[in-house]
Amino acid sequence: MYFTDRGLEELEEQRGDERVNLAWLADRMRAFVETNPEFEDTVDRLATFLARDEGDEADSEEEEVSEAVES
């Protein structure tokens, strides 16, 4: 188990039955960064990861390969 799993397990236990929207999540992430600015890059990377569909990454990688082959 990773150290971060403890927090994820707590989140699931405490709020696992709740439904939230992404605007609420973004607001909570902003509040976290305001009180913990040293994690701004990490939170931004997580938000970007969550924002992108898995299919988007595959499309992006294919485009990069195509561009490299064409060059």
N, C-alpha and C. Protein backbone atom coordinates (compact mmCIF):
# COMPACT_ATOMS: atom_id res chain seq x y z
N MET A 1 0.85 -1.18 0.00
CA MET A 1 0.00 0.00 0.00
C MET A 1 0.90 1.24 0.00
N TYR A 2 0.55 2.17 -0.85
CA TYR A 2 1.26 3.45 -0.88
C TYR A 2 0.78 4.31 0.29
N PHE A 3 1.64 5.22 0.72
CA PHE A 3 1.29 6.13 1.80
C PHE A 3 0.02 6.90 1.47
N THR A 4 -0.12 7.31 0.19
CA THR A 4 -1.28 8.12 -0.20
C THR A 4 -2.58 7.32 -0.15
N ASP A 5 -2.48 6.02 -0.17
CA ASP A 5 -3.69 5.20 -0.11
C ASP A 5 -4.49 5.45 1.16
N ARG A 6 -3.81 5.82 2.24
CA ARG A 6 -4.54 6.07 3.49
C ARG A 6 -5.53 7.21 3.31
N GLY A 7 -5.10 8.28 2.67
CA GLY A 7 -5.99 9.40 2.44
C GLY A 7 -7.12 9.04 1.49
N LEU A 8 -6.80 8.26 0.48
CA LEU A 8 -7.83 7.84 -0.47
C LEU A 8 -8.83 6.92 0.21
N GLU A 9 -8.35 6.04 1.06
CA GLU A 9 -9.26 5.16 1.79
C GLU A 9 -10.15 5.97 2.73
N GLU A 10 -9.58 6.98 3.39
CA GLU A 10 -10.39 7.83 4.27
C GLU A 10 -11.46 8.56 3.47
N LEU A 11 -11.07 9.08 2.31
CA LEU A 11 -12.03 9.78 1.45
C LEU A 11 -13.17 8.85 1.07
N GLU A 12 -12.82 7.65 0.67
CA GLU A 12 -13.85 6.69 0.26
C GLU A 12 -14.76 6.32 1.43
N GLU A 13 -14.17 6.12 2.61
CA GLU A 13 -14.97 5.75 3.78
C GLU A 13 -15.86 6.90 4.23
N GLN A 14 -15.34 8.12 4.25
CA GLN A 14 -16.07 9.27 4.77
C GLN A 14 -17.11 9.80 3.77
N ARG A 15 -16.75 9.78 2.48
CA ARG A 15 -17.62 10.44 1.50
C ARG A 15 -17.95 9.58 0.30
N GLY A 16 -17.67 8.28 0.41
CA GLY A 16 -17.83 7.38 -0.72
C GLY A 16 -19.24 7.28 -1.27
N ASP A 17 -20.24 7.56 -0.45
CA ASP A 17 -21.62 7.46 -0.91
C ASP A 17 -22.16 8.77 -1.49
N GLU A 18 -21.37 9.84 -1.36
CA GLU A 18 -21.81 11.15 -1.85
C GLU A 18 -21.60 11.28 -3.35
N ARG A 19 -22.43 12.12 -3.94
CA ARG A 19 -22.24 12.48 -5.35
C ARG A 19 -21.82 13.93 -5.39
N VAL A 20 -20.77 14.20 -6.15
CA VAL A 20 -20.28 15.56 -6.29
C VAL A 20 -20.11 15.87 -7.76
N ASN A 21 -20.10 17.16 -8.07
CA ASN A 21 -19.83 17.53 -9.46
C ASN A 21 -18.39 18.04 -9.57
N LEU A 22 -17.92 18.16 -10.78
CA LEU A 22 -16.53 18.55 -10.98
C LEU A 22 -16.27 20.00 -10.60
N ALA A 23 -17.27 20.85 -10.66
CA ALA A 23 -17.10 22.23 -10.21
C ALA A 23 -16.81 22.26 -8.72
N TRP A 24 -17.49 21.42 -7.95
CA TRP A 24 -17.23 21.33 -6.52
C TRP A 24 -15.80 20.85 -6.27
N LEU A 25 -15.39 19.81 -7.00
CA LEU A 25 -14.04 19.27 -6.85
C LEU A 25 -13.00 20.32 -7.20
N ALA A 26 -13.19 21.04 -8.28
CA ALA A 26 -12.25 22.10 -8.67
C ALA A 26 -12.17 23.17 -7.60
N ASP A 27 -13.30 23.53 -7.02
CA ASP A 27 -13.32 24.53 -5.95
C ASP A 27 -12.54 24.05 -4.73
N ARG A 28 -12.72 22.79 -4.35
CA ARG A 28 -12.00 22.22 -3.20
C ARG A 28 -10.50 22.15 -3.48
N MET A 29 -10.14 21.83 -4.73
CA MET A 29 -8.72 21.78 -5.09
C MET A 29 -8.10 23.18 -5.05
N ARG A 30 -8.86 24.19 -5.49
CA ARG A 30 -8.36 25.57 -5.39
C ARG A 30 -8.16 25.98 -3.94
N ALA A 31 -9.11 25.62 -3.08
CA ALA A 31 -9.00 25.94 -1.66
C ALA A 31 -7.77 25.26 -1.06
N PHE A 32 -7.52 24.03 -1.46
CA PHE A 32 -6.35 23.32 -0.97
C PHE A 32 -5.06 24.03 -1.38
N VAL A 33 -4.98 24.46 -2.63
CA VAL A 33 -3.78 25.15 -3.12
C VAL A 33 -3.61 26.49 -2.42
N GLU A 34 -4.70 27.18 -2.12
CA GLU A 34 -4.60 28.45 -1.40
C GLU A 34 -3.96 28.27 -0.03
N THR A 35 -4.26 27.17 0.63
CA THR A 35 -3.69 26.94 1.96
C THR A 35 -2.38 26.15 1.91
N ASN A 36 -2.10 25.55 0.76
CA ASN A 36 -0.88 24.74 0.59
C ASN A 36 -0.24 25.06 -0.76
N PRO A 37 0.26 26.27 -0.96
CA PRO A 37 0.76 26.67 -2.28
C PRO A 37 1.92 25.82 -2.80
N GLU A 38 2.62 25.14 -1.91
CA GLU A 38 3.73 24.30 -2.36
C GLU A 38 3.26 23.10 -3.19
N PHE A 39 1.96 22.81 -3.15
CA PHE A 39 1.40 21.70 -3.93
C PHE A 39 0.70 22.16 -5.20
N GLU A 40 0.88 23.41 -5.59
CA GLU A 40 0.19 23.94 -6.76
C GLU A 40 0.48 23.12 -8.02
N ASP A 41 1.75 22.81 -8.27
CA ASP A 41 2.09 22.03 -9.47
C ASP A 41 1.47 20.64 -9.44
N THR A 42 1.52 20.00 -8.28
CA THR A 42 0.96 18.66 -8.15
C THR A 42 -0.55 18.67 -8.38
N VAL A 43 -1.24 19.62 -7.79
CA VAL A 43 -2.69 19.72 -7.96
C VAL A 43 -3.03 20.03 -9.42
N ASP A 44 -2.24 20.88 -10.04
CA ASP A 44 -2.46 21.20 -11.45
C ASP A 44 -2.28 19.96 -12.33
N ARG A 45 -1.27 19.17 -12.04
CA ARG A 45 -1.05 17.95 -12.81
C ARG A 45 -2.19 16.96 -12.61
N LEU A 46 -2.68 16.84 -11.37
CA LEU A 46 -3.81 15.95 -11.10
C LEU A 46 -5.05 16.44 -11.84
N ALA A 47 -5.31 17.74 -11.80
CA ALA A 47 -6.48 18.30 -12.49
C ALA A 47 -6.40 18.05 -13.99
N THR A 48 -5.22 18.21 -14.56
CA THR A 48 -5.03 17.96 -15.98
C THR A 48 -5.26 16.50 -16.30
N PHE A 49 -4.75 15.61 -15.45
CA PHE A 49 -4.96 14.17 -15.63
C PHE A 49 -6.44 13.83 -15.60
N LEU A 50 -7.16 14.40 -14.64
CA LEU A 50 -8.59 14.12 -14.51
C LEU A 50 -9.39 14.72 -15.66
N ALA A 51 -8.93 15.84 -16.19
CA ALA A 51 -9.66 16.53 -17.25
C ALA A 51 -9.57 15.80 -18.59
N ARG A 52 -8.49 15.10 -18.78
CA ARG A 52 -8.28 14.44 -20.07
C ARG A 52 -8.83 13.02 -20.06
N ASP A 53 -9.56 12.72 -21.10
CA ASP A 53 -10.09 11.38 -21.29
C ASP A 53 -8.94 10.47 -21.69
N GLU A 54 -9.00 9.21 -21.30
CA GLU A 54 -7.95 8.26 -21.66
C GLU A 54 -7.78 8.20 -23.18
N GLY A 55 -8.85 8.33 -23.92
CA GLY A 55 -8.77 8.33 -25.37
C GLY A 55 -8.03 9.54 -25.91
N ASP A 56 -8.12 10.67 -25.19
CA ASP A 56 -7.41 11.88 -25.61
C ASP A 56 -5.90 11.65 -25.60
N GLU A 57 -5.39 10.94 -24.61
CA GLU A 57 -3.96 10.68 -24.52
C GLU A 57 -3.50 9.81 -25.67
N ALA A 58 -4.28 8.79 -26.01
CA ALA A 58 -3.91 7.92 -27.13
C ALA A 58 -3.89 8.70 -28.42
N ASP A 59 -4.89 9.58 -28.63
CA ASP A 59 -4.92 10.41 -29.83
C ASP A 59 -3.72 11.33 -29.88
N SER A 60 -3.37 11.92 -28.75
CA SER A 60 -2.25 12.84 -28.66
C SER A 60 -0.94 12.12 -28.99
N GLU A 61 -0.75 10.91 -28.47
CA GLU A 61 0.46 10.14 -28.73
C GLU A 61 0.54 9.77 -30.21
N GLU A 62 -0.59 9.41 -30.83
CA GLU A 62 -0.59 9.08 -32.25
C GLU A 62 -0.21 10.29 -33.09
N GLU A 63 -0.71 11.47 -32.73
CA GLU A 63 -0.39 12.69 -33.44
C GLU A 63 1.11 12.99 -33.34
N GLU A 64 1.69 12.79 -32.15
CA GLU A 64 3.12 13.05 -31.95
C GLU A 64 3.94 12.10 -32.81
N VAL A 65 3.55 10.83 -32.87
CA VAL A 65 4.28 9.85 -33.69
C VAL A 65 4.16 10.24 -35.15
N SER A 66 2.97 10.61 -35.60
CA SER A 66 2.77 11.00 -36.99
C SER A 66 3.61 12.20 -37.35
N GLU A 67 3.65 13.20 -36.46
CA GLU A 67 4.45 14.39 -36.71
C GLU A 67 5.93 14.06 -36.77
N ALA A 68 6.39 13.16 -35.92
CA ALA A 68 7.80 12.78 -35.90
C ALA A 68 8.17 12.03 -37.19
N VAL A 69 7.28 11.18 -37.69
CA VAL A 69 7.54 10.43 -38.90
C VAL A 69 7.58 11.36 -40.11
N GLU A 70 6.69 12.35 -40.13
CA GLU A 70 6.62 13.29 -41.24
C GLU A 70 7.84 14.20 -41.30
N SER A 71 8.48 14.46 -40.17
CA SER A 71 9.63 15.39 -40.12
C SER A 71 10.87 14.83 -40.71
